[in-house]
Amino acid sequence: MVDPALKEALRRLRAVKSQRPAGMEPSRFADWREKIADSLDALAVVLPFEEDQVSARAEAVAARAQADEIRRRGETVF
């Protein structure tokens, strides 16, 4: 059986991913990347394997760095 906390964290990440801004306005995209990072951090807490936790946290750090770079430059960076 899947841990309900893990199931909820995965559901939240999917929900946030589905809210990707369509117009690619830099500030909205940066905000969305921050939400992705928050969701990945929440997921890392409930993942059963340490290597998956480390990976989720690293992805969260990268998403926040991308959001910071977008805000700094005022453009969308892929």
PDB file of N, CA and C in Angstrom:
ATOM      1  N   MET A   1       0.829  -1.179   0.000  1.00  0.00           N
ATOM      2  CA  MET A   1       0.000   0.000   0.000  1.00  0.00           C
ATOM      3  C   MET A   1       0.884   1.256   0.000  1.00  0.00           C
ATOM      4  N   VAL A   2       0.466   2.254  -0.747  1.00  0.00           N
ATOM      5  CA  VAL A   2       1.220   3.502  -0.843  1.00  0.00           C
ATOM      6  C   VAL A   2       0.887   4.388   0.362  1.00  0.00           C
ATOM      7  N   ASP A   3       1.920   4.938   0.950  1.00  0.00           N
ATOM      8  CA  ASP A   3       1.760   5.862   2.076  1.00  0.00           C
ATOM      9  C   ASP A   3       0.864   7.031   1.639  1.00  0.00           C
ATOM     10  N   PRO A   4      -0.183   7.328   2.385  1.00  0.00           N
ATOM     11  CA  PRO A   4      -1.080   8.429   2.017  1.00  0.00           C
ATOM     12  C   PRO A   4      -0.360   9.778   1.891  1.00  0.00           C
ATOM     13  N   ALA A   5       0.656  10.022   2.709  1.00  0.00           N
ATOM     14  CA  ALA A   5       1.418  11.274   2.622  1.00  0.00           C
ATOM     15  C   ALA A   5       2.191  11.344   1.305  1.00  0.00           C
ATOM     16  N   LEU A   6       2.752  10.215   0.879  1.00  0.00           N
ATOM     17  CA  LEU A   6       3.462  10.162  -0.397  1.00  0.00           C
ATOM     18  C   LEU A   6       2.484  10.383  -1.547  1.00  0.00           C
ATOM     19  N   LYS A   7       1.355   9.732  -1.471  1.00  0.00           N
ATOM     20  CA  LYS A   7       0.330   9.877  -2.507  1.00  0.00           C
ATOM     21  C   LYS A   7      -0.115  11.345  -2.630  1.00  0.00           C
ATOM     22  N   GLU A   8      -0.317  12.000  -1.506  1.00  0.00           N
ATOM     23  CA  GLU A   8      -0.744  13.406  -1.508  1.00  0.00           C
ATOM     24  C   GLU A   8       0.355  14.317  -2.057  1.00  0.00           C
ATOM     25  N   ALA A   9       1.609  14.061  -1.693  1.00  0.00           N
ATOM     26  CA  ALA A   9       2.725  14.873  -2.189  1.00  0.00           C
ATOM     27  C   ALA A   9       2.865  14.739  -3.705  1.00  0.00           C
ATOM     28  N   LEU A  10       2.683  13.533  -4.210  1.00  0.00           N
ATOM     29  CA  LEU A  10       2.744  13.323  -5.664  1.00  0.00           C
ATOM     30  C   LEU A  10       1.568  13.997  -6.366  1.00  0.00           C
ATOM     31  N   ARG A  11       0.380  13.931  -5.753  1.00  0.00           N
ATOM     32  CA  ARG A  11      -0.792  14.585  -6.316  1.00  0.00           C
ATOM     33  C   ARG A  11      -0.572  16.096  -6.387  1.00  0.00           C
ATOM     34  N   ARG A  12      -0.002  16.639  -5.314  1.00  0.00           N
ATOM     35  CA  ARG A  12       0.257  18.084  -5.277  1.00  0.00           C
ATOM     36  C   ARG A  12       1.256  18.496  -6.358  1.00  0.00           C
ATOM     37  N   LEU A  13       2.321  17.722  -6.518  1.00  0.00           N
ATOM     38  CA  LEU A  13       3.316  18.033  -7.548  1.00  0.00           C
ATOM     39  C   LEU A  13       2.682  17.994  -8.934  1.00  0.00           C
ATOM     40  N   ARG A  14       1.885  16.976  -9.201  1.00  0.00           N
ATOM     41  CA  ARG A  14       1.198  16.905 -10.504  1.00  0.00           C
ATOM     42  C   ARG A  14       0.280  18.105 -10.716  1.00  0.00           C
ATOM     43  N   ALA A  15      -0.433  18.491  -9.666  1.00  0.00           N
ATOM     44  CA  ALA A  15      -1.357  19.633  -9.766  1.00  0.00           C
ATOM     45  C   ALA A  15      -0.595  20.919 -10.070  1.00  0.00           C
ATOM     46  N   VAL A  16       0.518  21.123  -9.402  1.00  0.00           N
ATOM     47  CA  VAL A  16       1.310  22.331  -9.634  1.00  0.00           C
ATOM     48  C   VAL A  16       1.896  22.310 -11.043  1.00  0.00           C
ATOM     49  N   LYS A  17       2.400  21.169 -11.470  1.00  0.00           N
ATOM     50  CA  LYS A  17       2.955  21.070 -12.824  1.00  0.00           C
ATOM     51  C   LYS A  17       1.907  21.406 -13.876  1.00  0.00           C
ATOM     52  N   SER A  18       0.662  21.021 -13.619  1.00  0.00           N
ATOM     53  CA  SER A  18      -0.402  21.283 -14.598  1.00  0.00           C
ATOM     54  C   SER A  18      -0.783  22.758 -14.667  1.00  0.00           C
ATOM     55  N   GLN A  19      -0.314  23.558 -13.732  1.00  0.00           N
ATOM     56  CA  GLN A  19      -0.637  24.985 -13.701  1.00  0.00           C
ATOM     57  C   GLN A  19       0.429  25.848 -14.378  1.00  0.00           C
ATOM     58  N   ARG A  20       1.267  25.237 -15.177  1.00  0.00           N
ATOM     59  CA  ARG A  20       2.321  25.996 -15.862  1.00  0.00           C
ATOM     60  C   ARG A  20       1.695  27.152 -16.643  1.00  0.00           C
ATOM     61  N   PRO A  21       2.202  28.369 -16.439  1.00  0.00           N
ATOM     62  CA  PRO A  21       1.631  29.524 -17.132  1.00  0.00           C
ATOM     63  C   PRO A  21       1.771  29.409 -18.636  1.00  0.00           C
ATOM     64  N   ALA A  22       0.719  29.757 -19.341  1.00  0.00           N
ATOM     65  CA  ALA A  22       0.704  29.619 -20.796  1.00  0.00           C
ATOM     66  C   ALA A  22       1.472  30.732 -21.497  1.00  0.00           C
ATOM     67  N   GLY A  23       1.349  31.955 -21.029  1.00  0.00           N
ATOM     68  CA  GLY A  23       1.933  33.092 -21.726  1.00  0.00           C
ATOM     69  C   GLY A  23       3.424  33.261 -21.538  1.00  0.00           C
ATOM     70  N   MET A  24       3.992  32.532 -20.594  1.00  0.00           N
ATOM     71  CA  MET A  24       5.421  32.592 -20.298  1.00  0.00           C
ATOM     72  C   MET A  24       5.873  33.982 -19.850  1.00  0.00           C
ATOM     73  N   GLU A  25       4.956  34.727 -19.224  1.00  0.00           N
ATOM     74  CA  GLU A  25       5.342  35.983 -18.600  1.00  0.00           C
ATOM     75  C   GLU A  25       6.399  35.658 -17.544  1.00  0.00           C
ATOM     76  N   PRO A  26       7.549  36.313 -17.584  1.00  0.00           N
ATOM     77  CA  PRO A  26       8.651  35.925 -16.699  1.00  0.00           C
ATOM     78  C   PRO A  26       8.290  35.841 -15.220  1.00  0.00           C
ATOM     79  N   SER A  27       7.589  36.813 -14.694  1.00  0.00           N
ATOM     80  CA  SER A  27       7.301  36.778 -13.257  1.00  0.00           C
ATOM     81  C   SER A  27       6.360  35.628 -12.894  1.00  0.00           C
ATOM     82  N   ARG A  28       5.398  35.345 -13.756  1.00  0.00           N
ATOM     83  CA  ARG A  28       4.484  34.232 -13.497  1.00  0.00           C
ATOM     84  C   ARG A  28       5.217  32.895 -13.603  1.00  0.00           C
ATOM     85  N   PHE A  29       6.109  32.784 -14.589  1.00  0.00           N
ATOM     86  CA  PHE A  29       6.873  31.555 -14.750  1.00  0.00           C
ATOM     87  C   PHE A  29       7.792  31.343 -13.546  1.00  0.00           C
ATOM     88  N   ALA A  30       8.433  32.409 -13.083  1.00  0.00           N
ATOM     89  CA  ALA A  30       9.314  32.307 -11.914  1.00  0.00           C
ATOM     90  C   ALA A  30       8.513  31.886 -10.677  1.00  0.00           C
ATOM     91  N   ASP A  31       7.330  32.460 -10.499  1.00  0.00           N
ATOM     92  CA  ASP A  31       6.483  32.075  -9.373  1.00  0.00           C
ATOM     93  C   ASP A  31       6.109  30.597  -9.462  1.00  0.00           C
ATOM     94  N   TRP A  32       5.810  30.132 -10.662  1.00  0.00           N
ATOM     95  CA  TRP A  32       5.450  28.728 -10.866  1.00  0.00           C
ATOM     96  C   TRP A  32       6.633  27.815 -10.522  1.00  0.00           C
ATOM     97  N   ARG A  33       7.827  28.210 -10.907  1.00  0.00           N
ATOM     98  CA  ARG A  33       9.014  27.403 -10.590  1.00  0.00           C
ATOM     99  C   ARG A  33       9.220  27.337  -9.072  1.00  0.00           C
ATOM    100  N   GLU A  34       8.911  28.421  -8.364  1.00  0.00           N
ATOM    101  CA  GLU A  34       8.978  28.411  -6.893  1.00  0.00           C
ATOM    102  C   GLU A  34       7.972  27.410  -6.326  1.00  0.00           C
ATOM    103  N   LYS A  35       6.776  27.370  -6.883  1.00  0.00           N
ATOM    104  CA  LYS A  35       5.756  26.422  -6.424  1.00  0.00           C
ATOM    105  C   LYS A  35       6.195  24.983  -6.697  1.00  0.00           C
ATOM    106  N   ILE A  36       6.836  24.767  -7.843  1.00  0.00           N
ATOM    107  CA  ILE A  36       7.379  23.439  -8.146  1.00  0.00           C
ATOM    108  C   ILE A  36       8.416  23.062  -7.087  1.00  0.00           C
ATOM    109  N   ALA A  37       9.294  24.003  -6.753  1.00  0.00           N
ATOM    110  CA  ALA A  37      10.326  23.743  -5.742  1.00  0.00           C
ATOM    111  C   ALA A  37       9.702  23.397  -4.391  1.00  0.00           C
ATOM    112  N   ASP A  38       8.674  24.140  -4.008  1.00  0.00           N
ATOM    113  CA  ASP A  38       7.996  23.847  -2.743  1.00  0.00           C
ATOM    114  C   ASP A  38       7.396  22.441  -2.754  1.00  0.00           C
ATOM    115  N   SER A  39       6.802  22.074  -3.881  1.00  0.00           N
ATOM    116  CA  SER A  39       6.197  20.739  -4.005  1.00  0.00           C
ATOM    117  C   SER A  39       7.260  19.647  -3.948  1.00  0.00           C
ATOM    118  N   LEU A  40       8.399  19.887  -4.568  1.00  0.00           N
ATOM    119  CA  LEU A  40       9.492  18.914  -4.531  1.00  0.00           C
ATOM    120  C   LEU A  40      10.057  18.770  -3.122  1.00  0.00           C
ATOM    121  N   ASP A  41      10.160  19.873  -2.396  1.00  0.00           N
ATOM    122  CA  ASP A  41      10.621  19.797  -1.007  1.00  0.00           C
ATOM    123  C   ASP A  41       9.650  18.978  -0.156  1.00  0.00           C
ATOM    124  N   ALA A  42       8.352  19.197  -0.359  1.00  0.00           N
ATOM    125  CA  ALA A  42       7.341  18.440   0.387  1.00  0.00           C
ATOM    126  C   ALA A  42       7.403  16.958   0.019  1.00  0.00           C
ATOM    127  N   LEU A  43       7.658  16.667  -1.229  1.00  0.00           N
ATOM    128  CA  LEU A  43       7.783  15.287  -1.679  1.00  0.00           C
ATOM    129  C   LEU A  43       9.015  14.625  -1.054  1.00  0.00           C
ATOM    130  N   ALA A  44      10.119  15.350  -0.998  1.00  0.00           N
ATOM    131  CA  ALA A  44      11.364  14.792  -0.456  1.00  0.00           C
ATOM    132  C   ALA A  44      11.192  14.301   0.981  1.00  0.00           C
ATOM    133  N   VAL A  45      10.356  14.970   1.736  1.00  0.00           N
ATOM    134  CA  VAL A  45      10.142  14.605   3.140  1.00  0.00           C
ATOM    135  C   VAL A  45       9.497  13.226   3.281  1.00  0.00           C
ATOM    136  N   VAL A  46       8.686  12.838   2.312  1.00  0.00           N
ATOM    137  CA  VAL A  46       7.931  11.589   2.435  1.00  0.00           C
ATOM    138  C   VAL A  46       8.439  10.460   1.539  1.00  0.00           C
ATOM    139  N   LEU A  47       9.433  10.722   0.720  1.00  0.00           N
ATOM    140  CA  LEU A  47       9.981   9.661  -0.121  1.00  0.00           C
ATOM    141  C   LEU A  47      10.690   8.622   0.745  1.00  0.00           C
ATOM    142  N   PRO A  48      10.504   7.357   0.449  1.00  0.00           N
ATOM    143  CA  PRO A  48      11.068   6.316   1.313  1.00  0.00           C
ATOM    144  C   PRO A  48      12.572   6.083   1.154  1.00  0.00           C
ATOM    145  N   PHE A  49      13.136   6.436   0.004  1.00  0.00           N
ATOM    146  CA  PHE A  49      14.554   6.156  -0.242  1.00  0.00           C
ATOM    147  C   PHE A  49      15.372   7.437  -0.226  1.00  0.00           C
ATOM    148  N   GLU A  50      16.507   7.372   0.459  1.00  0.00           N
ATOM    149  CA  GLU A  50      17.355   8.551   0.614  1.00  0.00           C
ATOM    150  C   GLU A  50      17.809   9.124  -0.733  1.00  0.00           C
ATOM    151  N   GLU A  51      18.159   8.279  -1.668  1.00  0.00           N
ATOM    152  CA  GLU A  51      18.637   8.801  -2.960  1.00  0.00           C
ATOM    153  C   GLU A  51      17.536   9.572  -3.682  1.00  0.00           C
ATOM    154  N   ASP A  52      16.284   9.148  -3.518  1.00  0.00           N
ATOM    155  CA  ASP A  52      15.165   9.878  -4.109  1.00  0.00           C
ATOM    156  C   ASP A  52      14.938  11.205  -3.387  1.00  0.00           C
ATOM    157  N   GLN A  53      15.123  11.201  -2.081  1.00  0.00           N
ATOM    158  CA  GLN A  53      14.997  12.428  -1.299  1.00  0.00           C
ATOM    159  C   GLN A  53      16.038  13.453  -1.755  1.00  0.00           C
ATOM    160  N   VAL A  54      17.269  12.977  -1.914  1.00  0.00           N
ATOM    161  CA  VAL A  54      18.363  13.848  -2.348  1.00  0.00           C
ATOM    162  C   VAL A  54      18.067  14.409  -3.736  1.00  0.00           C
ATOM    163  N   SER A  55      17.574  13.562  -4.619  1.00  0.00           N
ATOM    164  CA  SER A  55      17.253  13.989  -5.981  1.00  0.00           C
ATOM    165  C   SER A  55      16.140  15.035  -5.993  1.00  0.00           C
ATOM    166  N   ALA A  56      15.091  14.815  -5.213  1.00  0.00           N
ATOM    167  CA  ALA A  56      13.977  15.771  -5.161  1.00  0.00           C
ATOM    168  C   ALA A  56      14.451  17.111  -4.606  1.00  0.00           C
ATOM    169  N   ARG A  57      15.280  17.062  -3.582  1.00  0.00           N
ATOM    170  CA  ARG A  57      15.805  18.320  -3.017  1.00  0.00           C
ATOM    171  C   ARG A  57      16.703  19.046  -4.017  1.00  0.00           C
ATOM    172  N   ALA A  58      17.500  18.300  -4.755  1.00  0.00           N
ATOM    173  CA  ALA A  58      18.361  18.914  -5.768  1.00  0.00           C
ATOM    174  C   ALA A  58      17.528  19.559  -6.872  1.00  0.00           C
ATOM    175  N   GLU A  59      16.453  18.901  -7.269  1.00  0.00           N
ATOM    176  CA  GLU A  59      15.555  19.487  -8.272  1.00  0.00           C
ATOM    177  C   GLU A  59      14.901  20.759  -7.735  1.00  0.00           C
ATOM    178  N   ALA A  60      14.566  20.762  -6.452  1.00  0.00           N
ATOM    179  CA  ALA A  60      13.974  21.950  -5.836  1.00  0.00           C
ATOM    180  C   ALA A  60      14.972  23.109  -5.842  1.00  0.00           C
ATOM    181  N   VAL A  61      16.209  22.820  -5.509  1.00  0.00           N
ATOM    182  CA  VAL A  61      17.250  23.856  -5.521  1.00  0.00           C
ATOM    183  C   VAL A  61      17.418  24.410  -6.936  1.00  0.00           C
ATOM    184  N   ALA A  62      17.425  23.534  -7.932  1.00  0.00           N
ATOM    185  CA  ALA A  62      17.574  23.969  -9.322  1.00  0.00           C
ATOM    186  C   ALA A  62      16.379  24.814  -9.764  1.00  0.00           C
ATOM    187  N   ALA A  63      15.182  24.437  -9.353  1.00  0.00           N
ATOM    188  CA  ALA A  63      13.983  25.204  -9.722  1.00  0.00           C
ATOM    189  C   ALA A  63      14.031  26.599  -9.104  1.00  0.00           C
ATOM    190  N   ARG A  64      14.466  26.686  -7.857  1.00  0.00           N
ATOM    191  CA  ARG A  64      14.583  28.004  -7.210  1.00  0.00           C
ATOM    192  C   ARG A  64      15.669  28.849  -7.873  1.00  0.00           C
ATOM    193  N   ALA A  65      16.763  28.222  -8.248  1.00  0.00           N
ATOM    194  CA  ALA A  65      17.835  28.953  -8.934  1.00  0.00           C
ATOM    195  C   ALA A  65      17.331  29.479 -10.268  1.00  0.00           C
ATOM    196  N   GLN A  66      16.544  28.668 -10.966  1.00  0.00           N
ATOM    197  CA  GLN A  66      15.984  29.113 -12.239  1.00  0.00           C
ATOM    198  C   GLN A  66      15.031  30.287 -12.013  1.00  0.00           C
ATOM    199  N   ALA A  67      14.199  30.201 -11.000  1.00  0.00           N
ATOM    200  CA  ALA A  67      13.271  31.293 -10.692  1.00  0.00           C
ATOM    201  C   ALA A  67      14.046  32.576 -10.380  1.00  0.00           C
ATOM    202  N   ASP A  68      15.106  32.462  -9.593  1.00  0.00           N
ATOM    203  CA  ASP A  68      15.929  33.633  -9.267  1.00  0.00           C
ATOM    204  C   ASP A  68      16.556  34.230 -10.515  1.00  0.00           C
ATOM    205  N   GLU A  69      17.054  33.363 -11.384  1.00  0.00           N
ATOM    206  CA  GLU A  69      17.684  33.834 -12.627  1.00  0.00           C
ATOM    207  C   GLU A  69      16.661  34.525 -13.528  1.00  0.00           C
ATOM    208  N   ILE A  70      15.483  33.969 -13.624  1.00  0.00           N
ATOM    209  CA  ILE A  70      14.422  34.579 -14.433  1.00  0.00           C
ATOM    210  C   ILE A  70      14.094  35.967 -13.892  1.00  0.00           C
ATOM    211  N   ARG A  71      13.945  36.065 -12.589  1.00  0.00           N
ATOM    212  CA  ARG A  71      13.630  37.369 -11.994  1.00  0.00           C
ATOM    213  C   ARG A  71      14.783  38.357 -12.210  1.00  0.00           C
ATOM    214  N   ARG A  72      15.990  37.883 -12.066  1.00  0.00           N
ATOM    215  CA  ARG A  72      17.154  38.748 -12.258  1.00  0.00           C
ATOM    216  C   ARG A  72      17.233  39.271 -13.677  1.00  0.00           C
ATOM    217  N   ARG A  73      17.019  38.398 -14.621  1.00  0.00           N
ATOM    218  CA  ARG A  73      17.149  38.772 -16.028  1.00  0.00           C
ATOM    219  C   ARG A  73      15.868  39.306 -16.626  1.00  0.00           C
ATOM    220  N   GLY A  74      14.737  38.991 -15.970  1.00  0.00           N
ATOM    221  CA  GLY A  74      13.460  39.463 -16.487  1.00  0.00           C
ATOM    222  C   GLY A  74      13.010  38.722 -17.730  1.00  0.00           C
ATOM    223  N   GLU A  75      13.443  37.489 -17.872  1.00  0.00           N
ATOM    224  CA  GLU A  75      13.045  36.695 -19.025  1.00  0.00           C
ATOM    225  C   GLU A  75      12.952  35.226 -18.640  1.00  0.00           C
ATOM    226  N   THR A  76      12.304  34.466 -19.493  1.00  0.00           N
ATOM    227  CA  THR A  76      12.173  33.032 -19.268  1.00  0.00           C
ATOM    228  C   THR A  76      13.420  32.330 -19.773  1.00  0.00           C
ATOM    229  N   VAL A  77      13.968  31.469 -18.917  1.00  0.00           N
ATOM    230  CA  VAL A  77      15.183  30.716 -19.259  1.00  0.00           C
ATOM    231  C   VAL A  77      14.831  29.240 -19.189  1.00  0.00           C
ATOM    232  N   PHE A  78      15.163  28.500 -20.240  1.00  0.00           N
ATOM    233  CA  PHE A  78      14.853  27.061 -20.232  1.00  0.00           C
ATOM    234  C   PHE A  78      16.097  26.258 -20.061  1.00  0.00           C
TER     235      PHE A  78
END
